[in-house]
Amino acid sequence: MAKKEDLIKYITKQVVTYVDTPQSERQERRKEQRKRPREHWMVRWFGLVPFSIGMWTEHVKGSKAEQPAKLPNRSIGTLFTKWMKRTS
């Protein structure tokens, strides 16, 4: 029962402070809120999980790019034919 009373007190306090502030000040607050940059919708909806996955994939792609290039495919058949050409 105390929770209900606390909630009612909080709501009445918020309403009184809203009514006491002049209308011009409330309009200025709204204008300032609209000017503030908003975070990306993925961050608002899902938090930092998509951001962290994106960073991880960029890291994985970057680490693969840093590895030396693989040698061309050398099967046993091609190696054998080259050896035969050298020996003959």
N, C-alpha and C. Protein backbone atom coordinates (compact mmCIF):
# COMPACT_ATOMS: atom_id res chain seq x y z
N MET A 1 0.81 -1.18 0.00
CA MET A 1 0.00 0.00 0.00
C MET A 1 0.86 1.25 0.00
N ALA A 2 2.03 1.15 0.59
CA ALA A 2 2.93 2.30 0.62
C ALA A 2 3.43 2.62 -0.78
N LYS A 3 3.55 1.62 -1.63
CA LYS A 3 4.01 1.85 -2.99
C LYS A 3 3.02 2.70 -3.77
N LYS A 4 1.76 2.48 -3.57
CA LYS A 4 0.74 3.27 -4.26
C LYS A 4 0.81 4.72 -3.84
N GLU A 5 0.98 4.94 -2.54
CA GLU A 5 1.06 6.31 -2.04
C GLU A 5 2.30 7.02 -2.57
N ASP A 6 3.42 6.29 -2.62
CA ASP A 6 4.65 6.88 -3.15
C ASP A 6 4.49 7.23 -4.62
N LEU A 7 3.83 6.37 -5.36
CA LEU A 7 3.61 6.62 -6.77
C LEU A 7 2.73 7.85 -6.98
N ILE A 8 1.68 7.96 -6.19
CA ILE A 8 0.78 9.11 -6.29
C ILE A 8 1.52 10.40 -5.94
N LYS A 9 2.37 10.36 -4.91
CA LYS A 9 3.16 11.53 -4.53
C LYS A 9 4.09 11.93 -5.66
N TYR A 10 4.74 10.96 -6.26
CA TYR A 10 5.67 11.24 -7.36
C TYR A 10 4.94 11.86 -8.55
N ILE A 11 3.82 11.29 -8.91
CA ILE A 11 3.07 11.81 -10.06
C ILE A 11 2.58 13.23 -9.79
N THR A 12 2.05 13.48 -8.60
CA THR A 12 1.58 14.84 -8.30
C THR A 12 2.73 15.82 -8.28
N LYS A 13 3.89 15.40 -7.79
CA LYS A 13 5.06 16.29 -7.81
C LYS A 13 5.47 16.63 -9.24
N GLN A 14 5.48 15.65 -10.13
CA GLN A 14 5.83 15.89 -11.53
C GLN A 14 4.82 16.81 -12.21
N VAL A 15 3.55 16.62 -11.94
CA VAL A 15 2.50 17.45 -12.54
C VAL A 15 2.63 18.89 -12.05
N VAL A 16 2.88 19.07 -10.77
CA VAL A 16 3.01 20.42 -10.21
C VAL A 16 4.22 21.13 -10.81
N THR A 17 5.35 20.44 -10.93
CA THR A 17 6.53 21.08 -11.51
C THR A 17 6.29 21.41 -12.98
N TYR A 18 5.57 20.57 -13.69
CA TYR A 18 5.25 20.84 -15.10
C TYR A 18 4.36 22.07 -15.22
N VAL A 19 3.35 22.17 -14.37
CA VAL A 19 2.43 23.29 -14.43
C VAL A 19 3.12 24.59 -14.00
N ASP A 20 4.04 24.50 -13.05
CA ASP A 20 4.73 25.70 -12.55
C ASP A 20 5.73 26.28 -13.55
N THR A 21 6.29 25.46 -14.41
CA THR A 21 7.25 25.99 -15.38
C THR A 21 6.51 26.76 -16.46
N PRO A 22 7.06 27.89 -16.89
CA PRO A 22 6.40 28.66 -17.93
C PRO A 22 6.42 27.93 -19.27
N GLN A 23 5.47 28.27 -20.11
CA GLN A 23 5.32 27.59 -21.39
C GLN A 23 6.52 27.83 -22.29
N SER A 24 7.07 29.03 -22.25
CA SER A 24 8.23 29.33 -23.11
C SER A 24 9.42 28.45 -22.74
N GLU A 25 9.61 28.20 -21.44
CA GLU A 25 10.72 27.33 -21.02
C GLU A 25 10.50 25.90 -21.48
N ARG A 26 9.28 25.42 -21.41
CA ARG A 26 8.98 24.06 -21.89
C ARG A 26 9.24 23.95 -23.39
N GLN A 27 8.88 24.99 -24.14
CA GLN A 27 9.12 24.97 -25.58
C GLN A 27 10.61 24.97 -25.89
N GLU A 28 11.38 25.72 -25.12
CA GLU A 28 12.84 25.73 -25.30
C GLU A 28 13.43 24.35 -25.02
N ARG A 29 12.95 23.69 -24.00
CA ARG A 29 13.44 22.33 -23.69
C ARG A 29 13.14 21.38 -24.85
N ARG A 30 11.95 21.48 -25.41
CA ARG A 30 11.60 20.61 -26.55
C ARG A 30 12.50 20.87 -27.74
N LYS A 31 12.79 22.16 -28.00
CA LYS A 31 13.67 22.50 -29.13
C LYS A 31 15.07 21.94 -28.91
N GLU A 32 15.57 22.03 -27.68
CA GLU A 32 16.89 21.49 -27.38
C GLU A 32 16.92 19.97 -27.53
N GLN A 33 15.86 19.31 -27.13
CA GLN A 33 15.80 17.86 -27.25
C GLN A 33 15.79 17.44 -28.72
N ARG A 34 15.15 18.20 -29.56
CA ARG A 34 15.11 17.86 -30.99
C ARG A 34 16.45 18.09 -31.65
N LYS A 35 17.22 19.05 -31.16
CA LYS A 35 18.52 19.35 -31.75
C LYS A 35 19.58 18.31 -31.39
N ARG A 36 19.41 17.63 -30.26
CA ARG A 36 20.39 16.64 -29.83
C ARG A 36 20.45 15.48 -30.82
N PRO A 37 21.66 15.02 -31.13
CA PRO A 37 21.75 13.86 -32.03
C PRO A 37 21.25 12.60 -31.35
N ARG A 38 20.56 11.79 -32.12
CA ARG A 38 20.03 10.53 -31.58
C ARG A 38 20.98 9.40 -31.95
N GLU A 39 21.01 8.40 -31.11
CA GLU A 39 21.83 7.25 -31.44
C GLU A 39 21.15 6.44 -32.54
N HIS A 40 21.92 5.59 -33.15
CA HIS A 40 21.42 4.77 -34.25
C HIS A 40 20.28 3.87 -33.77
N TRP A 41 19.36 3.55 -34.67
CA TRP A 41 18.19 2.77 -34.26
C TRP A 41 18.57 1.38 -33.76
N MET A 42 19.64 0.81 -34.30
CA MET A 42 20.05 -0.52 -33.84
C MET A 42 20.53 -0.46 -32.39
N VAL A 43 21.19 0.63 -32.03
CA VAL A 43 21.66 0.77 -30.65
C VAL A 43 20.48 0.97 -29.72
N ARG A 44 19.50 1.76 -30.15
CA ARG A 44 18.33 1.98 -29.29
C ARG A 44 17.53 0.71 -29.10
N TRP A 45 17.42 -0.11 -30.14
CA TRP A 45 16.59 -1.31 -30.05
C TRP A 45 17.32 -2.49 -29.42
N PHE A 46 18.57 -2.68 -29.78
CA PHE A 46 19.27 -3.90 -29.38
C PHE A 46 20.47 -3.66 -28.48
N GLY A 47 20.78 -2.43 -28.15
CA GLY A 47 21.93 -2.14 -27.31
C GLY A 47 23.22 -2.18 -28.11
N LEU A 48 24.29 -2.56 -27.47
CA LEU A 48 25.60 -2.55 -28.12
C LEU A 48 25.96 -3.89 -28.76
N VAL A 49 25.06 -4.83 -28.76
CA VAL A 49 25.37 -6.15 -29.33
C VAL A 49 25.67 -6.05 -30.83
N PRO A 50 24.83 -5.40 -31.66
CA PRO A 50 25.17 -5.30 -33.08
C PRO A 50 26.47 -4.55 -33.33
N PHE A 51 26.73 -3.53 -32.52
CA PHE A 51 27.97 -2.77 -32.66
C PHE A 51 29.17 -3.65 -32.37
N SER A 52 29.09 -4.44 -31.31
CA SER A 52 30.22 -5.30 -30.95
C SER A 52 30.42 -6.41 -31.99
N ILE A 53 29.34 -6.94 -32.54
CA ILE A 53 29.47 -7.96 -33.59
C ILE A 53 30.12 -7.35 -34.83
N GLY A 54 29.71 -6.14 -35.17
CA GLY A 54 30.32 -5.46 -36.31
C GLY A 54 31.81 -5.22 -36.12
N MET A 55 32.19 -4.81 -34.92
CA MET A 55 33.62 -4.61 -34.63
C MET A 55 34.37 -5.93 -34.72
N TRP A 56 33.76 -7.00 -34.23
CA TRP A 56 34.42 -8.30 -34.26
C TRP A 56 34.62 -8.77 -35.71
N THR A 57 33.59 -8.60 -36.56
CA THR A 57 33.73 -9.04 -37.95
C THR A 57 34.78 -8.21 -38.68
N GLU A 58 34.87 -6.91 -38.40
CA GLU A 58 35.91 -6.10 -39.02
C GLU A 58 37.29 -6.57 -38.57
N HIS A 59 37.40 -6.95 -37.30
CA HIS A 59 38.67 -7.44 -36.79
C HIS A 59 39.06 -8.74 -37.48
N VAL A 60 38.09 -9.63 -37.65
CA VAL A 60 38.37 -10.91 -38.30
C VAL A 60 38.78 -10.69 -39.74
N LYS A 61 38.06 -9.80 -40.44
CA LYS A 61 38.43 -9.50 -41.83
C LYS A 61 39.81 -8.89 -41.91
N GLY A 62 40.13 -8.01 -40.97
CA GLY A 62 41.44 -7.37 -40.96
C GLY A 62 42.55 -8.35 -40.67
N SER A 63 42.31 -9.30 -39.79
CA SER A 63 43.36 -10.26 -39.46
C SER A 63 43.60 -11.21 -40.62
N LYS A 64 42.56 -11.52 -41.41
CA LYS A 64 42.76 -12.36 -42.59
C LYS A 64 43.53 -11.61 -43.65
N ALA A 65 43.34 -10.31 -43.75
CA ALA A 65 44.05 -9.52 -44.76
C ALA A 65 45.52 -9.41 -44.42
N GLU A 66 45.88 -9.48 -43.14
CA GLU A 66 47.26 -9.35 -42.73
C GLU A 66 48.05 -10.63 -42.96
N GLN A 67 47.39 -11.76 -43.14
CA GLN A 67 48.09 -13.02 -43.37
C GLN A 67 48.70 -13.01 -44.76
N PRO A 68 49.82 -13.71 -44.93
CA PRO A 68 50.44 -13.75 -46.26
C PRO A 68 49.54 -14.48 -47.24
N ALA A 69 49.69 -14.10 -48.49
CA ALA A 69 48.87 -14.71 -49.53
C ALA A 69 49.22 -16.19 -49.66
N LYS A 70 48.20 -17.01 -49.92
CA LYS A 70 48.43 -18.44 -50.07
C LYS A 70 49.09 -18.71 -51.42
N LEU A 71 49.87 -19.75 -51.43
CA LEU A 71 50.49 -20.17 -52.68
C LEU A 71 49.43 -20.77 -53.58
N PRO A 72 49.67 -20.74 -54.88
CA PRO A 72 48.69 -21.35 -55.77
C PRO A 72 48.52 -22.83 -55.47
N ASN A 73 47.37 -23.36 -55.84
CA ASN A 73 47.05 -24.74 -55.55
C ASN A 73 48.03 -25.66 -56.26
N ARG A 74 48.77 -26.42 -55.48
CA ARG A 74 49.77 -27.34 -56.06
C ARG A 74 49.39 -28.76 -55.69
N SER A 75 48.80 -29.41 -56.62
CA SER A 75 48.45 -30.80 -56.37
C SER A 75 49.64 -31.69 -56.69
N ILE A 76 49.52 -32.91 -56.31
CA ILE A 76 50.61 -33.86 -56.53
C ILE A 76 50.83 -34.07 -58.02
N GLY A 77 49.74 -34.04 -58.77
CA GLY A 77 49.88 -34.24 -60.22
C GLY A 77 50.70 -33.14 -60.88
N THR A 78 50.46 -31.90 -60.51
CA THR A 78 51.23 -30.81 -61.12
C THR A 78 52.67 -30.84 -60.66
N LEU A 79 52.89 -31.17 -59.40
CA LEU A 79 54.27 -31.26 -58.92
C LEU A 79 55.02 -32.39 -59.62
N PHE A 80 54.35 -33.51 -59.84
CA PHE A 80 54.97 -34.64 -60.52
C PHE A 80 55.33 -34.29 -61.97
N THR A 81 54.42 -33.60 -62.65
CA THR A 81 54.70 -33.25 -64.04
C THR A 81 55.86 -32.27 -64.12
N LYS A 82 55.94 -31.33 -63.20
CA LYS A 82 57.08 -30.40 -63.20
C LYS A 82 58.38 -31.14 -62.89
N TRP A 83 58.34 -32.10 -61.99
CA TRP A 83 59.53 -32.87 -61.68
C TRP A 83 59.98 -33.70 -62.89
N MET A 84 58.98 -34.24 -63.62
CA MET A 84 59.31 -35.02 -64.81
C MET A 84 59.96 -34.16 -65.87
N LYS A 85 59.47 -32.92 -66.01
CA LYS A 85 60.05 -32.02 -67.02
C LYS A 85 61.49 -31.66 -66.65
N ARG A 86 61.76 -31.48 -65.36
CA ARG A 86 63.11 -31.12 -64.95
C ARG A 86 64.08 -32.30 -65.11
N THR A 87 63.60 -33.48 -64.86
CA THR A 87 64.49 -34.63 -64.91
C THR A 87 64.73 -35.12 -66.33
N SER A 88 63.87 -34.79 -67.26
CA SER A 88 64.07 -35.33 -68.60
C SER A 88 64.89 -34.43 -69.47
